[in-house]
Amino acid sequence: MPNNPRASRRGALISALLVLPVFLVSCTSSGYPADPDGTFDRATGGTLSVGISHHPPYVDASGPEPTGSEVELIRAFAEDIDAEIEWTVSGEEALMTALEAGDVDLVGGGLTDQSPWSSKASLTRGYAEDAGPDGQTVQLVLAVPLGENQMLAEVERFLDSAHPGATP
């Protein structure tokens, strides 16, 4: 019986569609989700560049070494991924510009889920509740570069395990 070219093409197409997702996932070194700029892979076992703004009690950047509840949380995340931290202390606008440019990997400093920076950064899920300036409850968040989905997922995984539902 002669081969049916139409059936052969259909079989090839089906095979390609089944193999394509596996191929695409295997193209990233750490799996899915991926970071187009490799933020998480670069930081893991290397240097985590962290931008912080002075915002006690979350971040106190007035001394030689930063302190505060978010600083400790970020230090624990860095330890979890075996990374050294390089701190950059500045205002929120400068830090978000640095995050957008890829000069820092993570930003903290009392950011909330109501942050006006959500168009410049990916904000994590809230990791703790606190009272905002108007007395309303807000969720505290950290920021990572837009599109760096593996970095966002790994920070959220860490927050979920290390800080579930706690307040600062």
C-alpha atoms as a PDB file:
ATOM      1  CA  MET A   1       0.000   0.000   0.000  1.00  0.00           C
ATOM      2  CA  PRO A   2       1.536   3.409  -0.958  1.00  0.00           C
ATOM      3  CA  ASN A   3       2.366   6.001   1.718  1.00  0.00           C
ATOM      4  CA  ASN A   4      -0.133   8.776   2.229  1.00  0.00           C
ATOM      5  CA  PRO A   5       1.821  12.107   2.105  1.00  0.00           C
ATOM      6  CA  ARG A   6      -0.954  13.952   3.913  1.00  0.00           C
ATOM      7  CA  ALA A   7      -0.952  11.458   6.798  1.00  0.00           C
ATOM      8  CA  SER A   8       2.857  11.627   6.991  1.00  0.00           C
ATOM      9  CA  ARG A   9       2.805  15.418   7.239  1.00  0.00           C
ATOM     10  CA  ARG A  10       0.105  15.286   9.896  1.00  0.00           C
ATOM     11  CA  GLY A  11       2.126  12.736  11.890  1.00  0.00           C
ATOM     12  CA  ALA A  12       5.250  14.898  11.621  1.00  0.00           C
ATOM     13  CA  LEU A  13       3.315  17.963  12.776  1.00  0.00           C
ATOM     14  CA  ILE A  14       1.864  16.118  15.753  1.00  0.00           C
ATOM     15  CA  SER A  15       5.326  14.830  16.698  1.00  0.00           C
ATOM     16  CA  ALA A  16       6.775  18.331  16.457  1.00  0.00           C
ATOM     17  CA  LEU A  17       4.031  19.770  18.636  1.00  0.00           C
ATOM     18  CA  LEU A  18       4.655  17.104  21.262  1.00  0.00           C
ATOM     19  CA  VAL A  19       8.429  17.589  21.275  1.00  0.00           C
ATOM     20  CA  LEU A  20       8.508  21.417  21.089  1.00  0.00           C
ATOM     21  CA  PRO A  21       7.503  22.117  24.731  1.00  0.00           C
ATOM     22  CA  VAL A  22      10.124  19.679  26.017  1.00  0.00           C
ATOM     23  CA  PHE A  23      12.759  21.282  23.803  1.00  0.00           C
ATOM     24  CA  LEU A  24      11.866  24.805  24.905  1.00  0.00           C
ATOM     25  CA  VAL A  25      12.013  23.917  28.595  1.00  0.00           C
ATOM     26  CA  SER A  26      15.362  22.188  28.117  1.00  0.00           C
ATOM     27  CA  CYS A  27      16.795  25.382  26.584  1.00  0.00           C
ATOM     28  CA  THR A  28      16.886  27.051  30.009  1.00  0.00           C
ATOM     29  CA  SER A  29      19.579  25.951  32.418  1.00  0.00           C
ATOM     30  CA  SER A  30      17.337  25.839  35.475  1.00  0.00           C
ATOM     31  CA  GLY A  31      14.034  24.926  33.909  1.00  0.00           C
ATOM     32  CA  TYR A  32      10.805  26.813  33.817  1.00  0.00           C
ATOM     33  CA  PRO A  33       9.950  29.596  34.455  1.00  0.00           C
ATOM     34  CA  ALA A  34      12.956  31.215  32.842  1.00  0.00           C
ATOM     35  CA  ASP A  35      14.805  34.486  33.267  1.00  0.00           C
ATOM     36  CA  PRO A  36      15.610  36.027  29.868  1.00  0.00           C
ATOM     37  CA  ASP A  37      18.536  37.888  31.459  1.00  0.00           C
ATOM     38  CA  GLY A  38      19.582  34.997  33.747  1.00  0.00           C
ATOM     39  CA  THR A  39      19.191  36.911  37.012  1.00  0.00           C
ATOM     40  CA  PHE A  40      18.545  33.920  39.261  1.00  0.00           C
ATOM     41  CA  ASP A  41      21.210  31.699  37.688  1.00  0.00           C
ATOM     42  CA  ARG A  42      23.795  34.515  37.899  1.00  0.00           C
ATOM     43  CA  ALA A  43      23.013  35.223  41.562  1.00  0.00           C
ATOM     44  CA  THR A  44      22.912  31.581  42.677  1.00  0.00           C
ATOM     45  CA  GLY A  45      26.330  30.678  44.007  1.00  0.00           C
ATOM     46  CA  GLY A  46      27.555  34.150  43.052  1.00  0.00           C
ATOM     47  CA  THR A  47      26.575  37.688  43.959  1.00  0.00           C
ATOM     48  CA  LEU A  48      23.059  38.927  44.630  1.00  0.00           C
ATOM     49  CA  SER A  49      22.946  42.654  43.940  1.00  0.00           C
ATOM     50  CA  VAL A  50      20.393  44.176  46.305  1.00  0.00           C
ATOM     51  CA  GLY A  51      19.077  47.719  46.301  1.00  0.00           C
ATOM     52  CA  ILE A  52      17.635  49.007  49.543  1.00  0.00           C
ATOM     53  CA  SER A  53      16.102  52.276  50.617  1.00  0.00           C
ATOM     54  CA  HIS A  54      16.183  53.544  54.186  1.00  0.00           C
ATOM     55  CA  HIS A  55      12.744  52.749  55.618  1.00  0.00           C
ATOM     56  CA  PRO A  56      12.843  51.650  59.273  1.00  0.00           C
ATOM     57  CA  PRO A  57      11.902  49.203  60.691  1.00  0.00           C
ATOM     58  CA  TYR A  58      12.183  47.238  57.434  1.00  0.00           C
ATOM     59  CA  VAL A  59      15.505  48.710  56.367  1.00  0.00           C
ATOM     60  CA  ASP A  60      17.806  50.890  58.443  1.00  0.00           C
ATOM     61  CA  ALA A  61      20.644  52.019  56.213  1.00  0.00           C
ATOM     62  CA  SER A  62      22.004  54.683  58.555  1.00  0.00           C
ATOM     63  CA  GLY A  63      24.903  52.611  59.894  1.00  0.00           C
ATOM     64  CA  PRO A  64      27.890  50.911  58.320  1.00  0.00           C
ATOM     65  CA  GLU A  65      25.841  47.740  57.681  1.00  0.00           C
ATOM     66  CA  PRO A  66      22.129  47.723  56.881  1.00  0.00           C
ATOM     67  CA  THR A  67      19.769  46.260  59.474  1.00  0.00           C
ATOM     68  CA  GLY A  68      16.050  45.643  59.768  1.00  0.00           C
ATOM     69  CA  SER A  69      13.489  42.934  59.150  1.00  0.00           C
ATOM     70  CA  GLU A  70      13.744  43.040  55.329  1.00  0.00           C
ATOM     71  CA  VAL A  71      17.528  43.088  55.462  1.00  0.00           C
ATOM     72  CA  GLU A  72      17.456  39.901  57.536  1.00  0.00           C
ATOM     73  CA  LEU A  73      14.931  38.355  55.155  1.00  0.00           C
ATOM     74  CA  ILE A  74      17.112  39.218  52.140  1.00  0.00           C
ATOM     75  CA  ARG A  75      20.211  37.852  53.905  1.00  0.00           C
ATOM     76  CA  ALA A  76      18.371  34.579  54.533  1.00  0.00           C
ATOM     77  CA  PHE A  77      17.341  34.387  50.859  1.00  0.00           C
ATOM     78  CA  ALA A  78      20.939  35.000  49.781  1.00  0.00           C
ATOM     79  CA  GLU A  79      22.107  32.257  52.127  1.00  0.00           C
ATOM     80  CA  ASP A  80      19.429  29.952  50.701  1.00  0.00           C
ATOM     81  CA  ILE A  81      20.841  30.410  47.190  1.00  0.00           C
ATOM     82  CA  ASP A  82      24.470  30.467  48.368  1.00  0.00           C
ATOM     83  CA  ALA A  83      25.012  34.066  47.249  1.00  0.00           C
ATOM     84  CA  GLU A  84      27.073  36.927  48.606  1.00  0.00           C
ATOM     85  CA  ILE A  85      25.211  40.246  48.831  1.00  0.00           C
ATOM     86  CA  GLU A  86      26.324  43.472  47.235  1.00  0.00           C
ATOM     87  CA  TRP A  87      24.242  46.265  48.812  1.00  0.00           C
ATOM     88  CA  THR A  88      23.271  49.487  47.039  1.00  0.00           C
ATOM     89  CA  VAL A  89      21.608  52.107  49.230  1.00  0.00           C
ATOM     90  CA  SER A  90      19.606  54.795  47.473  1.00  0.00           C
ATOM     91  CA  GLY A  91      16.125  56.234  47.051  1.00  0.00           C
ATOM     92  CA  GLU A  92      13.288  54.232  45.537  1.00  0.00           C
ATOM     93  CA  GLU A  93      13.365  56.032  42.178  1.00  0.00           C
ATOM     94  CA  ALA A  94      17.098  55.442  41.685  1.00  0.00           C
ATOM     95  CA  LEU A  95      16.741  51.806  42.767  1.00  0.00           C
ATOM     96  CA  MET A  96      13.864  51.134  40.397  1.00  0.00           C
ATOM     97  CA  THR A  97      15.872  52.680  37.558  1.00  0.00           C
ATOM     98  CA  ALA A  98      18.809  50.424  38.517  1.00  0.00           C
ATOM     99  CA  LEU A  99      16.477  47.405  38.679  1.00  0.00           C
ATOM    100  CA  GLU A 100      15.077  48.206  35.247  1.00  0.00           C
ATOM    101  CA  ALA A 101      18.621  48.569  33.850  1.00  0.00           C
ATOM    102  CA  GLY A 102      19.709  45.236  35.368  1.00  0.00           C
ATOM    103  CA  ASP A 103      22.146  46.846  37.806  1.00  0.00           C
ATOM    104  CA  VAL A 104      20.407  45.308  40.850  1.00  0.00           C
ATOM    105  CA  ASP A 105      18.635  41.964  41.164  1.00  0.00           C
ATOM    106  CA  LEU A 106      16.291  42.665  44.075  1.00  0.00           C
ATOM    107  CA  VAL A 107      14.913  45.781  45.795  1.00  0.00           C
ATOM    108  CA  GLY A 108      13.586  46.160  49.321  1.00  0.00           C
ATOM    109  CA  GLY A 109      12.759  48.977  51.657  1.00  0.00           C
ATOM    110  CA  GLY A 110       9.200  48.843  52.896  1.00  0.00           C
ATOM    111  CA  LEU A 111       7.626  48.513  49.450  1.00  0.00           C
ATOM    112  CA  THR A 112       3.945  47.629  49.505  1.00  0.00           C
ATOM    113  CA  ASP A 113       1.517  46.010  47.109  1.00  0.00           C
ATOM    114  CA  GLN A 114       0.227  49.548  46.453  1.00  0.00           C
ATOM    115  CA  SER A 115       3.617  50.577  45.028  1.00  0.00           C
ATOM    116  CA  PRO A 116       3.584  52.995  42.106  1.00  0.00           C
ATOM    117  CA  TRP A 117       6.596  51.093  40.725  1.00  0.00           C
ATOM    118  CA  SER A 118       4.621  48.095  39.440  1.00  0.00           C
ATOM    119  CA  SER A 119       5.174  49.222  35.828  1.00  0.00           C
ATOM    120  CA  LYS A 120       8.960  49.217  36.375  1.00  0.00           C
ATOM    121  CA  ALA A 121       9.330  46.038  38.432  1.00  0.00           C
ATOM    122  CA  SER A 122       7.729  42.707  39.233  1.00  0.00           C
ATOM    123  CA  LEU A 123       6.447  42.805  42.784  1.00  0.00           C
ATOM    124  CA  THR A 124       6.347  39.649  44.859  1.00  0.00           C
ATOM    125  CA  ARG A 125       3.217  38.471  46.581  1.00  0.00           C
ATOM    126  CA  GLY A 126       2.818  40.094  49.946  1.00  0.00           C
ATOM    127  CA  TYR A 127       4.975  38.388  52.538  1.00  0.00           C
ATOM    128  CA  ALA A 128       3.626  40.233  55.591  1.00  0.00           C
ATOM    129  CA  GLU A 129       0.931  42.696  56.573  1.00  0.00           C
ATOM    130  CA  ASP A 130       1.440  46.070  58.161  1.00  0.00           C
ATOM    131  CA  ALA A 131      -0.420  49.323  58.547  1.00  0.00           C
ATOM    132  CA  GLY A 132       0.075  51.818  55.739  1.00  0.00           C
ATOM    133  CA  PRO A 133       0.435  55.580  56.219  1.00  0.00           C
ATOM    134  CA  ASP A 134      -3.360  55.947  56.222  1.00  0.00           C
ATOM    135  CA  GLY A 135      -3.799  53.183  58.788  1.00  0.00           C
ATOM    136  CA  GLN A 136      -5.130  50.699  56.230  1.00  0.00           C
ATOM    137  CA  THR A 137      -3.605  47.233  56.006  1.00  0.00           C
ATOM    138  CA  VAL A 138      -0.997  46.832  53.260  1.00  0.00           C
ATOM    139  CA  GLN A 139       1.053  43.869  52.086  1.00  0.00           C
ATOM    140  CA  LEU A 140       4.832  44.218  52.172  1.00  0.00           C
ATOM    141  CA  VAL A 141       6.566  43.123  48.958  1.00  0.00           C
ATOM    142  CA  LEU A 142       9.996  42.965  47.350  1.00  0.00           C
ATOM    143  CA  ALA A 143      10.766  43.884  43.737  1.00  0.00           C
ATOM    144  CA  VAL A 144      12.664  42.005  41.021  1.00  0.00           C
ATOM    145  CA  PRO A 145      13.309  42.955  37.376  1.00  0.00           C
ATOM    146  CA  LEU A 146      10.339  42.763  35.020  1.00  0.00           C
ATOM    147  CA  GLY A 147      10.261  39.518  33.051  1.00  0.00           C
ATOM    148  CA  GLU A 148      12.719  37.680  35.299  1.00  0.00           C
ATOM    149  CA  ASN A 149      10.114  35.049  36.119  1.00  0.00           C
ATOM    150  CA  GLN A 150      12.422  32.454  37.647  1.00  0.00           C
ATOM    151  CA  MET A 151      13.852  35.072  40.003  1.00  0.00           C
ATOM    152  CA  LEU A 152      10.328  36.138  40.985  1.00  0.00           C
ATOM    153  CA  ALA A 153       9.234  32.521  41.506  1.00  0.00           C
ATOM    154  CA  GLU A 154      12.297  31.680  43.614  1.00  0.00           C
ATOM    155  CA  VAL A 155      11.949  34.764  45.829  1.00  0.00           C
ATOM    156  CA  GLU A 156       8.254  33.980  46.329  1.00  0.00           C
ATOM    157  CA  ARG A 157       9.047  30.330  47.078  1.00  0.00           C
ATOM    158  CA  PHE A 158      11.505  31.499  49.716  1.00  0.00           C
ATOM    159  CA  LEU A 159       9.051  34.026  51.175  1.00  0.00           C
ATOM    160  CA  ASP A 160       6.323  31.382  51.328  1.00  0.00           C
ATOM    161  CA  SER A 161       8.565  28.989  53.246  1.00  0.00           C
ATOM    162  CA  ALA A 162      10.517  31.433  55.411  1.00  0.00           C
ATOM    163  CA  HIS A 163       7.942  34.080  56.219  1.00  0.00           C
ATOM    164  CA  PRO A 164       4.443  32.618  55.862  1.00  0.00           C
ATOM    165  CA  GLY A 165       1.862  35.122  57.057  1.00  0.00           C
ATOM    166  CA  ALA A 166       4.201  36.818  59.503  1.00  0.00           C
ATOM    167  CA  THR A 167       4.314  40.496  60.310  1.00  0.00           C
ATOM    168  CA  PRO A 168       7.633  42.347  60.337  1.00  0.00           C
END
